[in-house]
Amino acid sequence: MLADYKRKSNIGAGVFLLSLIGAVAWISTHPGQNLYVDGGLLGTFLGVTLTVSWFYAVWAYVKAKGRSGWWTLAGFAGFIGLIILLFLKDLAKAGGSIPAGTQPGPPAA
């Protein structure tokens, strides 16, 4: 895995977990209310933060494996998509760069 993207993925996952803890705390203290409807600005903030940090973490994880960012779309498939992403072959050498010929784009001159 590429260390820089792995670090970014860990940061995104951390922000996601903190936001999730905040959302659960709000929901548990306001029974019978909807966070996104009754939560006002806090509900909107937590909803956006959860969504953005989730896809940022998945994108960075995919990039850390040396894959195209388009693999992030597998995150929309829920649990099945996560299983697919976890079992993707790591094209990047540990701590190194993506091997030649595996990264999409124009050929080097």
PDB file of N, CA and C in Angstrom:
ATOM      1  N   MET A   1       0.841  -1.182   0.000  1.00  0.00           N
ATOM      2  CA  MET A   1       0.000   0.000   0.000  1.00  0.00           C
ATOM      3  C   MET A   1       0.884   1.243   0.000  1.00  0.00           C
ATOM      4  N   LEU A   2       0.399   2.256  -0.619  1.00  0.00           N
ATOM      5  CA  LEU A   2       1.103   3.532  -0.633  1.00  0.00           C
ATOM      6  C   LEU A   2       0.854   4.237   0.691  1.00  0.00           C
ATOM      7  N   ALA A   3       1.926   4.562   1.402  1.00  0.00           N
ATOM      8  CA  ALA A   3       1.832   5.085   2.771  1.00  0.00           C
ATOM      9  C   ALA A   3       1.044   6.394   2.856  1.00  0.00           C
ATOM     10  N   ASP A   4       1.235   7.288   1.884  1.00  0.00           N
ATOM     11  CA  ASP A   4       0.562   8.585   1.934  1.00  0.00           C
ATOM     12  C   ASP A   4      -0.957   8.420   1.864  1.00  0.00           C
ATOM     13  N   TYR A   5      -1.424   7.587   0.937  1.00  0.00           N
ATOM     14  CA  TYR A   5      -2.865   7.374   0.805  1.00  0.00           C
ATOM     15  C   TYR A   5      -3.412   6.567   1.977  1.00  0.00           C
ATOM     16  N   LYS A   6      -2.610   5.649   2.511  1.00  0.00           N
ATOM     17  CA  LYS A   6      -3.048   4.876   3.673  1.00  0.00           C
ATOM     18  C   LYS A   6      -3.291   5.810   4.860  1.00  0.00           C
ATOM     19  N   ARG A   7      -2.410   6.782   5.035  1.00  0.00           N
ATOM     20  CA  ARG A   7      -2.566   7.763   6.112  1.00  0.00           C
ATOM     21  C   ARG A   7      -3.844   8.585   5.896  1.00  0.00           C
ATOM     22  N   LYS A   8      -4.081   9.012   4.655  1.00  0.00           N
ATOM     23  CA  LYS A   8      -5.293   9.784   4.348  1.00  0.00           C
ATOM     24  C   LYS A   8      -6.546   8.957   4.611  1.00  0.00           C
ATOM     25  N   SER A   9      -6.489   7.680   4.279  1.00  0.00           N
ATOM     26  CA  SER A   9      -7.624   6.801   4.528  1.00  0.00           C
ATOM     27  C   SER A   9      -7.896   6.675   6.023  1.00  0.00           C
ATOM     28  N   ASN A  10      -6.841   6.551   6.811  1.00  0.00           N
ATOM     29  CA  ASN A  10      -7.005   6.452   8.263  1.00  0.00           C
ATOM     30  C   ASN A  10      -7.594   7.732   8.848  1.00  0.00           C
ATOM     31  N   ILE A  11      -7.173   8.879   8.334  1.00  0.00           N
ATOM     32  CA  ILE A  11      -7.719  10.156   8.805  1.00  0.00           C
ATOM     33  C   ILE A  11      -9.208  10.250   8.455  1.00  0.00           C
ATOM     34  N   GLY A  12      -9.565   9.906   7.220  1.00  0.00           N
ATOM     35  CA  GLY A  12     -10.964   9.935   6.812  1.00  0.00           C
ATOM     36  C   GLY A  12     -11.819   8.989   7.638  1.00  0.00           C
ATOM     37  N   ALA A  13     -11.293   7.797   7.924  1.00  0.00           N
ATOM     38  CA  ALA A  13     -12.035   6.835   8.741  1.00  0.00           C
ATOM     39  C   ALA A  13     -12.197   7.360  10.169  1.00  0.00           C
ATOM     40  N   GLY A  14     -11.170   8.031  10.684  1.00  0.00           N
ATOM     41  CA  GLY A  14     -11.263   8.607  12.031  1.00  0.00           C
ATOM     42  C   GLY A  14     -12.318   9.690  12.116  1.00  0.00           C
ATOM     43  N   VAL A  15     -12.358  10.566  11.108  1.00  0.00           N
ATOM     44  CA  VAL A  15     -13.379  11.623  11.079  1.00  0.00           C
ATOM     45  C   VAL A  15     -14.769  10.996  10.967  1.00  0.00           C
ATOM     46  N   PHE A  16     -14.882   9.955  10.147  1.00  0.00           N
ATOM     47  CA  PHE A  16     -16.164   9.256  10.008  1.00  0.00           C
ATOM     48  C   PHE A  16     -16.617   8.687  11.349  1.00  0.00           C
ATOM     49  N   LEU A  17     -15.709   8.009  12.059  1.00  0.00           N
ATOM     50  CA  LEU A  17     -16.080   7.403  13.341  1.00  0.00           C
ATOM     51  C   LEU A  17     -16.458   8.449  14.382  1.00  0.00           C
ATOM     52  N   LEU A  18     -15.724   9.561  14.420  1.00  0.00           N
ATOM     53  CA  LEU A  18     -16.076  10.633  15.355  1.00  0.00           C
ATOM     54  C   LEU A  18     -17.453  11.221  15.038  1.00  0.00           C
ATOM     55  N   SER A  19     -17.727  11.400  13.752  1.00  0.00           N
ATOM     56  CA  SER A  19     -19.040  11.914  13.344  1.00  0.00           C
ATOM     57  C   SER A  19     -20.139  10.915  13.680  1.00  0.00           C
ATOM     58  N   LEU A  20     -19.841   9.647  13.503  1.00  0.00           N
ATOM     59  CA  LEU A  20     -20.817   8.608  13.818  1.00  0.00           C
ATOM     60  C   LEU A  20     -21.115   8.584  15.316  1.00  0.00           C
ATOM     61  N   ILE A  21     -20.080   8.734  16.131  1.00  0.00           N
ATOM     62  CA  ILE A  21     -20.278   8.796  17.580  1.00  0.00           C
ATOM     63  C   ILE A  21     -21.145  10.004  17.942  1.00  0.00           C
ATOM     64  N   GLY A  22     -20.887  11.149  17.308  1.00  0.00           N
ATOM     65  CA  GLY A  22     -21.699  12.344  17.543  1.00  0.00           C
ATOM     66  C   GLY A  22     -23.146  12.139  17.148  1.00  0.00           C
ATOM     67  N   ALA A  23     -23.362  11.481  16.007  1.00  0.00           N
ATOM     68  CA  ALA A  23     -24.731  11.233  15.551  1.00  0.00           C
ATOM     69  C   ALA A  23     -25.458  10.282  16.501  1.00  0.00           C
ATOM     70  N   VAL A  24     -24.775   9.235  16.940  1.00  0.00           N
ATOM     71  CA  VAL A  24     -25.392   8.280  17.865  1.00  0.00           C
ATOM     72  C   VAL A  24     -25.697   8.953  19.203  1.00  0.00           C
ATOM     73  N   ALA A  25     -24.787   9.807  19.663  1.00  0.00           N
ATOM     74  CA  ALA A  25     -25.017  10.526  20.920  1.00  0.00           C
ATOM     75  C   ALA A  25     -26.242  11.430  20.803  1.00  0.00           C
ATOM     76  N   TRP A  26     -26.379  12.130  19.679  1.00  0.00           N
ATOM     77  CA  TRP A  26     -27.536  13.007  19.494  1.00  0.00           C
ATOM     78  C   TRP A  26     -28.822  12.188  19.456  1.00  0.00           C
ATOM     79  N   ILE A  27     -28.794  11.091  18.711  1.00  0.00           N
ATOM     80  CA  ILE A  27     -29.994  10.261  18.574  1.00  0.00           C
ATOM     81  C   ILE A  27     -30.400   9.666  19.922  1.00  0.00           C
ATOM     82  N   SER A  28     -29.418   9.263  20.719  1.00  0.00           N
ATOM     83  CA  SER A  28     -29.755   8.647  22.007  1.00  0.00           C
ATOM     84  C   SER A  28     -30.292   9.663  23.017  1.00  0.00           C
ATOM     85  N   THR A  29     -29.960  10.924  22.854  1.00  0.00           N
ATOM     86  CA  THR A  29     -30.469  11.947  23.778  1.00  0.00           C
ATOM     87  C   THR A  29     -31.753  12.614  23.285  1.00  0.00           C
ATOM     88  N   HIS A  30     -32.158  12.301  22.068  1.00  0.00           N
ATOM     89  CA  HIS A  30     -33.388  12.854  21.500  1.00  0.00           C
ATOM     90  C   HIS A  30     -34.244  11.715  20.938  1.00  0.00           C
ATOM     91  N   PRO A  31     -34.804  10.873  21.795  1.00  0.00           N
ATOM     92  CA  PRO A  31     -35.574   9.722  21.299  1.00  0.00           C
ATOM     93  C   PRO A  31     -36.814  10.170  20.519  1.00  0.00           C
ATOM     94  N   GLY A  32     -37.083   9.444  19.451  1.00  0.00           N
ATOM     95  CA  GLY A  32     -38.268   9.727  18.653  1.00  0.00           C
ATOM     96  C   GLY A  32     -38.090  10.849  17.648  1.00  0.00           C
ATOM     97  N   GLN A  33     -36.891  11.453  17.601  1.00  0.00           N
ATOM     98  CA  GLN A  33     -36.652  12.537  16.644  1.00  0.00           C
ATOM     99  C   GLN A  33     -35.682  12.067  15.565  1.00  0.00           C
ATOM    100  N   ASN A  34     -35.778  12.690  14.427  1.00  0.00           N
ATOM    101  CA  ASN A  34     -34.912  12.377  13.300  1.00  0.00           C
ATOM    102  C   ASN A  34     -33.760  13.382  13.282  1.00  0.00           C
ATOM    103  N   LEU A  35     -32.533  12.879  13.261  1.00  0.00           N
ATOM    104  CA  LEU A  35     -31.357  13.753  13.292  1.00  0.00           C
ATOM    105  C   LEU A  35     -31.348  14.740  12.130  1.00  0.00           C
ATOM    106  N   TYR A  36     -31.696  14.262  10.939  1.00  0.00           N
ATOM    107  CA  TYR A  36     -31.583  15.110   9.756  1.00  0.00           C
ATOM    108  C   TYR A  36     -32.746  16.076   9.612  1.00  0.00           C
ATOM    109  N   VAL A  37     -33.897  15.759  10.205  1.00  0.00           N
ATOM    110  CA  VAL A  37     -35.060  16.634  10.124  1.00  0.00           C
ATOM    111  C   VAL A  37     -35.123  17.562  11.333  1.00  0.00           C
ATOM    112  N   ASP A  38     -34.971  16.988  12.521  1.00  0.00           N
ATOM    113  CA  ASP A  38     -35.116  17.753  13.759  1.00  0.00           C
ATOM    114  C   ASP A  38     -33.791  18.262  14.318  1.00  0.00           C
ATOM    115  N   GLY A  39     -32.691  17.869  13.727  1.00  0.00           N
ATOM    116  CA  GLY A  39     -31.376  18.226  14.264  1.00  0.00           C
ATOM    117  C   GLY A  39     -30.887  19.593  13.852  1.00  0.00           C
ATOM    118  N   GLY A  40     -31.559  20.237  12.931  1.00  0.00           N
ATOM    119  CA  GLY A  40     -31.159  21.568  12.485  1.00  0.00           C
ATOM    120  C   GLY A  40     -29.796  21.567  11.821  1.00  0.00           C
ATOM    121  N   LEU A  41     -29.017  22.584  12.122  1.00  0.00           N
ATOM    122  CA  LEU A  41     -27.694  22.738  11.515  1.00  0.00           C
ATOM    123  C   LEU A  41     -26.751  21.612  11.919  1.00  0.00           C
ATOM    124  N   LEU A  42     -26.849  21.145  13.159  1.00  0.00           N
ATOM    125  CA  LEU A  42     -25.999  20.042  13.618  1.00  0.00           C
ATOM    126  C   LEU A  42     -26.289  18.771  12.835  1.00  0.00           C
ATOM    127  N   GLY A  43     -27.555  18.487  12.587  1.00  0.00           N
ATOM    128  CA  GLY A  43     -27.928  17.312  11.810  1.00  0.00           C
ATOM    129  C   GLY A  43     -27.392  17.375  10.394  1.00  0.00           C
ATOM    130  N   THR A  44     -27.496  18.536   9.783  1.00  0.00           N
ATOM    131  CA  THR A  44     -26.966  18.724   8.423  1.00  0.00           C
ATOM    132  C   THR A  44     -25.455  18.556   8.412  1.00  0.00           C
ATOM    133  N   PHE A  45     -24.789  19.178   9.392  1.00  0.00           N
ATOM    134  CA  PHE A  45     -23.336  19.079   9.478  1.00  0.00           C
ATOM    135  C   PHE A  45     -22.889  17.629   9.652  1.00  0.00           C
ATOM    136  N   LEU A  46     -23.531  16.901  10.561  1.00  0.00           N
ATOM    137  CA  LEU A  46     -23.154  15.507  10.783  1.00  0.00           C
ATOM    138  C   LEU A  46     -23.441  14.644   9.556  1.00  0.00           C
ATOM    139  N   GLY A  47     -24.550  14.881   8.895  1.00  0.00           N
ATOM    140  CA  GLY A  47     -24.879  14.120   7.696  1.00  0.00           C
ATOM    141  C   GLY A  47     -23.866  14.320   6.581  1.00  0.00           C
ATOM    142  N   VAL A  48     -23.496  15.571   6.349  1.00  0.00           N
ATOM    143  CA  VAL A  48     -22.508  15.870   5.305  1.00  0.00           C
ATOM    144  C   VAL A  48     -21.142  15.312   5.699  1.00  0.00           C
ATOM    145  N   THR A  49     -20.765  15.491   6.956  1.00  0.00           N
ATOM    146  CA  THR A  49     -19.464  15.000   7.420  1.00  0.00           C
ATOM    147  C   THR A  49     -19.381  13.479   7.315  1.00  0.00           C
ATOM    148  N   LEU A  50     -20.444  12.787   7.694  1.00  0.00           N
ATOM    149  CA  LEU A  50     -20.453  11.327   7.581  1.00  0.00           C
ATOM    150  C   LEU A  50     -20.283  10.884   6.128  1.00  0.00           C
ATOM    151  N   THR A  51     -21.023  11.496   5.239  1.00  0.00           N
ATOM    152  CA  THR A  51     -20.984  11.100   3.832  1.00  0.00           C
ATOM    153  C   THR A  51     -19.633  11.401   3.200  1.00  0.00           C
ATOM    154  N   VAL A  52     -19.147  12.620   3.376  1.00  0.00           N
ATOM    155  CA  VAL A  52     -17.888  13.028   2.744  1.00  0.00           C
ATOM    156  C   VAL A  52     -16.712  12.240   3.312  1.00  0.00           C
ATOM    157  N   SER A  53     -16.657  12.080   4.630  1.00  0.00           N
ATOM    158  CA  SER A  53     -15.520  11.367   5.223  1.00  0.00           C
ATOM    159  C   SER A  53     -15.533   9.888   4.847  1.00  0.00           C
ATOM    160  N   TRP A  54     -16.723   9.290   4.707  1.00  0.00           N
ATOM    161  CA  TRP A  54     -16.822   7.892   4.292  1.00  0.00           C
ATOM    162  C   TRP A  54     -16.219   7.711   2.894  1.00  0.00           C
ATOM    163  N   PHE A  55     -16.658   8.522   1.948  1.00  0.00           N
ATOM    164  CA  PHE A  55     -16.166   8.347   0.585  1.00  0.00           C
ATOM    165  C   PHE A  55     -14.713   8.794   0.437  1.00  0.00           C
ATOM    166  N   TYR A  56     -14.266   9.751   1.238  1.00  0.00           N
ATOM    167  CA  TYR A  56     -12.854  10.130   1.221  1.00  0.00           C
ATOM    168  C   TYR A  56     -11.997   8.975   1.723  1.00  0.00           C
ATOM    169  N   ALA A  57     -12.430   8.327   2.798  1.00  0.00           N
ATOM    170  CA  ALA A  57     -11.671   7.197   3.345  1.00  0.00           C
ATOM    171  C   ALA A  57     -11.624   6.037   2.350  1.00  0.00           C
ATOM    172  N   VAL A  58     -12.753   5.746   1.706  1.00  0.00           N
ATOM    173  CA  VAL A  58     -12.785   4.658   0.722  1.00  0.00           C
ATOM    174  C   VAL A  58     -11.918   5.007  -0.481  1.00  0.00           C
ATOM    175  N   TRP A  59     -12.003   6.255  -0.954  1.00  0.00           N
ATOM    176  CA  TRP A  59     -11.183   6.695  -2.095  1.00  0.00           C
ATOM    177  C   TRP A  59      -9.691   6.561  -1.769  1.00  0.00           C
ATOM    178  N   ALA A  60      -9.284   7.030  -0.604  1.00  0.00           N
ATOM    179  CA  ALA A  60      -7.866   6.958  -0.234  1.00  0.00           C
ATOM    180  C   ALA A  60      -7.420   5.509  -0.066  1.00  0.00           C
ATOM    181  N   TYR A  61      -8.292   4.641   0.442  1.00  0.00           N
ATOM    182  CA  TYR A  61      -7.956   3.227   0.594  1.00  0.00           C
ATOM    183  C   TYR A  61      -7.720   2.585  -0.775  1.00  0.00           C
ATOM    184  N   VAL A  62      -8.598   2.900  -1.715  1.00  0.00           N
ATOM    185  CA  VAL A  62      -8.460   2.363  -3.069  1.00  0.00           C
ATOM    186  C   VAL A  62      -7.169   2.875  -3.717  1.00  0.00           C
ATOM    187  N   LYS A  63      -6.891   4.155  -3.560  1.00  0.00           N
ATOM    188  CA  LYS A  63      -5.667   4.735  -4.127  1.00  0.00           C
ATOM    189  C   LYS A  63      -4.433   4.139  -3.450  1.00  0.00           C
ATOM    190  N   ALA A  64      -4.516   3.837  -2.152  1.00  0.00           N
ATOM    191  CA  ALA A  64      -3.388   3.235  -1.437  1.00  0.00           C
ATOM    192  C   ALA A  64      -3.062   1.858  -1.998  1.00  0.00           C
ATOM    193  N   LYS A  65      -4.047   1.195  -2.554  1.00  0.00           N
ATOM    194  CA  LYS A  65      -3.823  -0.112  -3.163  1.00  0.00           C
ATOM    195  C   LYS A  65      -3.354   0.015  -4.615  1.00  0.00           C
ATOM    196  N   GLY A  66      -3.175   1.244  -5.082  1.00  0.00           N
ATOM    197  CA  GLY A  66      -2.682   1.445  -6.441  1.00  0.00           C
ATOM    198  C   GLY A  66      -3.758   1.329  -7.495  1.00  0.00           C
ATOM    199  N   ARG A  67      -4.995   1.470  -7.118  1.00  0.00           N
ATOM    200  CA  ARG A  67      -6.113   1.335  -8.048  1.00  0.00           C
ATOM    201  C   ARG A  67      -6.655   2.692  -8.467  1.00  0.00           C
ATOM    202  N   SER A  68      -7.478   2.680  -9.498  1.00  0.00           N
ATOM    203  CA  SER A  68      -8.140   3.884  -9.973  1.00  0.00           C
ATOM    204  C   SER A  68      -9.164   4.346  -8.938  1.00  0.00           C
ATOM    205  N   GLY A  69      -9.330   5.664  -8.837  1.00  0.00           N
ATOM    206  CA  GLY A  69     -10.312   6.220  -7.915  1.00  0.00           C
ATOM    207  C   GLY A  69     -11.734   5.805  -8.224  1.00  0.00           C
ATOM    208  N   TRP A  70     -11.984   5.307  -9.435  1.00  0.00           N
ATOM    209  CA  TRP A  70     -13.328   4.866  -9.805  1.00  0.00           C
ATOM    210  C   TRP A  70     -13.785   3.684  -8.960  1.00  0.00           C
ATOM    211  N   TRP A  71     -12.859   2.953  -8.372  1.00  0.00           N
ATOM    212  CA  TRP A  71     -13.227   1.840  -7.509  1.00  0.00           C
ATOM    213  C   TRP A  71     -13.989   2.330  -6.273  1.00  0.00           C
ATOM    214  N   THR A  72     -13.927   3.623  -5.994  1.00  0.00           N
ATOM    215  CA  THR A  72     -14.653   4.194  -4.860  1.00  0.00           C
ATOM    216  C   THR A  72     -16.155   3.957  -5.017  1.00  0.00           C
ATOM    217  N   LEU A  73     -16.624   3.870  -6.236  1.00  0.00           N
ATOM    218  CA  LEU A  73     -18.054   3.650  -6.476  1.00  0.00           C
ATOM    219  C   LEU A  73     -18.540   2.341  -5.872  1.00  0.00           C
ATOM    220  N   ALA A  74     -17.633   1.408  -5.615  1.00  0.00           N
ATOM    221  CA  ALA A  74     -18.028   0.156  -4.963  1.00  0.00           C
ATOM    222  C   ALA A  74     -18.536   0.429  -3.548  1.00  0.00           C
ATOM    223  N   GLY A  75     -18.167   1.579  -2.986  1.00  0.00           N
ATOM    224  CA  GLY A  75     -18.660   1.957  -1.667  1.00  0.00           C
ATOM    225  C   GLY A  75     -20.170   2.140  -1.637  1.00  0.00           C
ATOM    226  N   PHE A  76     -20.779   2.380  -2.792  1.00  0.00           N
ATOM    227  CA  PHE A  76     -22.230   2.501  -2.876  1.00  0.00           C
ATOM    228  C   PHE A  76     -22.918   1.151  -2.737  1.00  0.00           C
ATOM    229  N   ALA A  77     -22.179   0.069  -2.910  1.00  0.00           N
ATOM    230  CA  ALA A  77     -22.760  -1.274  -2.846  1.00  0.00           C
ATOM    231  C   ALA A  77     -22.864  -1.779  -1.416  1.00  0.00           C
ATOM    232  N   GLY A  78     -22.572  -0.938  -0.454  1.00  0.00           N
ATOM    233  CA  GLY A  78     -22.717  -1.321   0.952  1.00  0.00           C
ATOM    234  C   GLY A  78     -21.703  -2.361   1.390  1.00  0.00           C
ATOM    235  N   PHE A  79     -22.172  -3.336   2.141  1.00  0.00           N
ATOM    236  CA  PHE A  79     -21.300  -4.345   2.716  1.00  0.00           C
ATOM    237  C   PHE A  79     -20.602  -5.167   1.633  1.00  0.00           C
ATOM    238  N   ILE A  80     -21.327  -5.515   0.582  1.00  0.00           N
ATOM    239  CA  ILE A  80     -20.745  -6.289  -0.524  1.00  0.00           C
ATOM    240  C   ILE A  80     -19.615  -5.494  -1.179  1.00  0.00           C
ATOM    241  N   GLY A  81     -19.826  -4.189  -1.372  1.00  0.00           N
ATOM    242  CA  GLY A  81     -18.781  -3.349  -1.960  1.00  0.00           C
ATOM    243  C   GLY A  81     -17.537  -3.294  -1.095  1.00  0.00           C
ATOM    244  N   LEU A  82     -17.729  -3.234   0.227  1.00  0.00           N
ATOM    245  CA  LEU A  82     -16.574  -3.224   1.126  1.00  0.00           C
ATOM    246  C   LEU A  82     -15.791  -4.527   1.050  1.00  0.00           C
ATOM    247  N   ILE A  83     -16.493  -5.642   0.943  1.00  0.00           N
ATOM    248  CA  ILE A  83     -15.822  -6.939   0.810  1.00  0.00           C
ATOM    249  C   ILE A  83     -15.000  -6.961  -0.475  1.00  0.00           C
ATOM    250  N   ILE A  84     -15.579  -6.450  -1.556  1.00  0.00           N
ATOM    251  CA  ILE A  84     -14.853  -6.390  -2.834  1.00  0.00           C
ATOM    252  C   ILE A  84     -13.588  -5.552  -2.683  1.00  0.00           C
ATOM    253  N   LEU A  85     -13.710  -4.389  -2.047  1.00  0.00           N
ATOM    254  CA  LEU A  85     -12.553  -3.506  -1.883  1.00  0.00           C
ATOM    255  C   LEU A  85     -11.485  -4.119  -0.985  1.00  0.00           C
ATOM    256  N   LEU A  86     -11.896  -4.821   0.043  1.00  0.00           N
ATOM    257  CA  LEU A  86     -10.921  -5.436   0.950  1.00  0.00           C
ATOM    258  C   LEU A  86     -10.100  -6.520   0.257  1.00  0.00           C
ATOM    259  N   PHE A  87     -10.714  -7.213  -0.699  1.00  0.00           N
ATOM    260  CA  PHE A  87     -10.022  -8.302  -1.370  1.00  0.00           C
ATOM    261  C   PHE A  87      -9.364  -7.893  -2.686  1.00  0.00           C
ATOM    262  N   LEU A  88      -9.369  -6.597  -3.003  1.00  0.00           N
ATOM    263  CA  LEU A  88      -8.660  -6.144  -4.199  1.00  0.00           C
ATOM    264  C   LEU A  88      -7.171  -6.405  -4.045  1.00  0.00           C
ATOM    265  N   LYS A  89      -6.553  -6.852  -5.110  1.00  0.00           N
ATOM    266  CA  LYS A  89      -5.106  -7.082  -5.089  1.00  0.00           C
ATOM    267  C   LYS A  89      -4.397  -5.732  -4.967  1.00  0.00           C
ATOM    268  N   ASP A  90      -3.391  -5.706  -4.135  1.00  0.00           N
ATOM    269  CA  ASP A  90      -2.605  -4.487  -3.927  1.00  0.00           C
ATOM    270  C   ASP A  90      -1.599  -4.350  -5.067  1.00  0.00           C
ATOM    271  N   LEU A  91      -1.819  -3.368  -5.949  1.00  0.00           N
ATOM    272  CA  LEU A  91      -0.913  -3.160  -7.078  1.00  0.00           C
ATOM    273  C   LEU A  91       0.308  -2.338  -6.709  1.00  0.00           C
ATOM    274  N   ALA A  92       0.253  -1.666  -5.583  1.00  0.00           N
ATOM    275  CA  ALA A  92       1.368  -0.828  -5.152  1.00  0.00           C
ATOM    276  C   ALA A  92       2.272  -1.642  -4.237  1.00  0.00           C
ATOM    277  N   LYS A  93       3.559  -1.495  -4.444  1.00  0.00           N
ATOM    278  CA  LYS A  93       4.503  -2.181  -3.573  1.00  0.00           C
ATOM    279  C   LYS A  93       4.508  -1.489  -2.221  1.00  0.00           C
ATOM    280  N   ALA A  94       4.777  -2.229  -1.181  1.00  0.00           N
ATOM    281  CA  ALA A  94       4.754  -1.688   0.181  1.00  0.00           C
ATOM    282  C   ALA A  94       5.683  -0.484   0.293  1.00  0.00           C
ATOM    283  N   GLY A  95       5.087   0.658   0.615  1.00  0.00           N
ATOM    284  CA  GLY A  95       5.855   1.883   0.811  1.00  0.00           C
ATOM    285  C   GLY A  95       6.437   2.453  -0.468  1.00  0.00           C
ATOM    286  N   GLY A  96       6.140   1.853  -1.596  1.00  0.00           N
ATOM    287  CA  GLY A  96       6.732   2.312  -2.849  1.00  0.00           C
ATOM    288  C   GLY A  96       5.729   2.994  -3.746  1.00  0.00           C
ATOM    289  N   SER A  97       5.889   2.781  -5.038  1.00  0.00           N
ATOM    290  CA  SER A  97       5.003   3.419  -6.002  1.00  0.00           C
ATOM    291  C   SER A  97       4.271   2.344  -6.794  1.00  0.00           C
ATOM    292  N   ILE A  98       3.398   2.788  -7.656  1.00  0.00           N
ATOM    293  CA  ILE A  98       2.601   1.885  -8.479  1.00  0.00           C
ATOM    294  C   ILE A  98       3.501   1.314  -9.583  1.00  0.00           C
ATOM    295  N   PRO A  99       3.478   0.006  -9.787  1.00  0.00           N
ATOM    296  CA  PRO A  99       4.312  -0.589 -10.826  1.00  0.00           C
ATOM    297  C   PRO A  99       3.980  -0.034 -12.213  1.00  0.00           C
ATOM    298  N   ALA A 100       4.984   0.057 -13.055  1.00  0.00           N
ATOM    299  CA  ALA A 100       4.798   0.586 -14.410  1.00  0.00           C
ATOM    300  C   ALA A 100       3.810  -0.268 -15.180  1.00  0.00           C
ATOM    301  N   GLY A 101       2.960   0.394 -15.944  1.00  0.00           N
ATOM    302  CA  GLY A 101       1.999  -0.283 -16.782  1.00  0.00           C
ATOM    303  C   GLY A 101       0.692  -0.637 -16.114  1.00  0.00           C
ATOM    304  N   THR A 102       0.553  -0.377 -14.800  1.00  0.00           N
ATOM    305  CA  THR A 102      -0.697  -0.721 -14.127  1.00  0.00           C
ATOM    306  C   THR A 102      -1.536   0.507 -13.824  1.00  0.00           C
ATOM    307  N   GLN A 103      -0.957   1.686 -13.937  1.00  0.00           N
ATOM    308  CA  GLN A 103      -1.703   2.897 -13.647  1.00  0.00           C
ATOM    309  C   GLN A 103      -2.331   3.415 -14.939  1.00  0.00           C
ATOM    310  N   PRO A 104      -3.648   3.726 -14.906  1.00  0.00           N
ATOM    311  CA  PRO A 104      -4.275   4.224 -16.122  1.00  0.00           C
ATOM    312  C   PRO A 104      -3.727   5.590 -16.499  1.00  0.00           C
ATOM    313  N   GLY A 105      -3.718   5.853 -17.776  1.00  0.00           N
ATOM    314  CA  GLY A 105      -3.243   7.140 -18.253  1.00  0.00           C
ATOM    315  C   GLY A 105      -2.415   6.947 -19.516  1.00  0.00           C
ATOM    316  N   PRO A 106      -1.943   8.044 -20.087  1.00  0.00           N
ATOM    317  CA  PRO A 106      -1.162   7.942 -21.308  1.00  0.00           C
ATOM    318  C   PRO A 106       0.193   7.272 -21.033  1.00  0.00           C
ATOM    319  N   PRO A 107       0.700   6.528 -22.005  1.00  0.00           N
ATOM    320  CA  PRO A 107       1.988   5.872 -21.824  1.00  0.00           C
ATOM    321  C   PRO A 107       3.123   6.889 -21.710  1.00  0.00           C
ATOM    322  N   ALA A 108       4.107   6.541 -20.919  1.00  0.00           N
ATOM    323  CA  ALA A 108       5.270   7.436 -20.759  1.00  0.00           C
ATOM    324  C   ALA A 108       6.085   7.439 -22.037  1.00  0.00           C
ATOM    325  N   ALA A 109       6.593   8.597 -22.386  1.00  0.00           N
ATOM    326  CA  ALA A 109       7.373   8.726 -23.622  1.00  0.00           C
ATOM    327  C   ALA A 109       8.834   8.409 -23.380  1.00  0.00           C
TER     328      ALA A 109
END
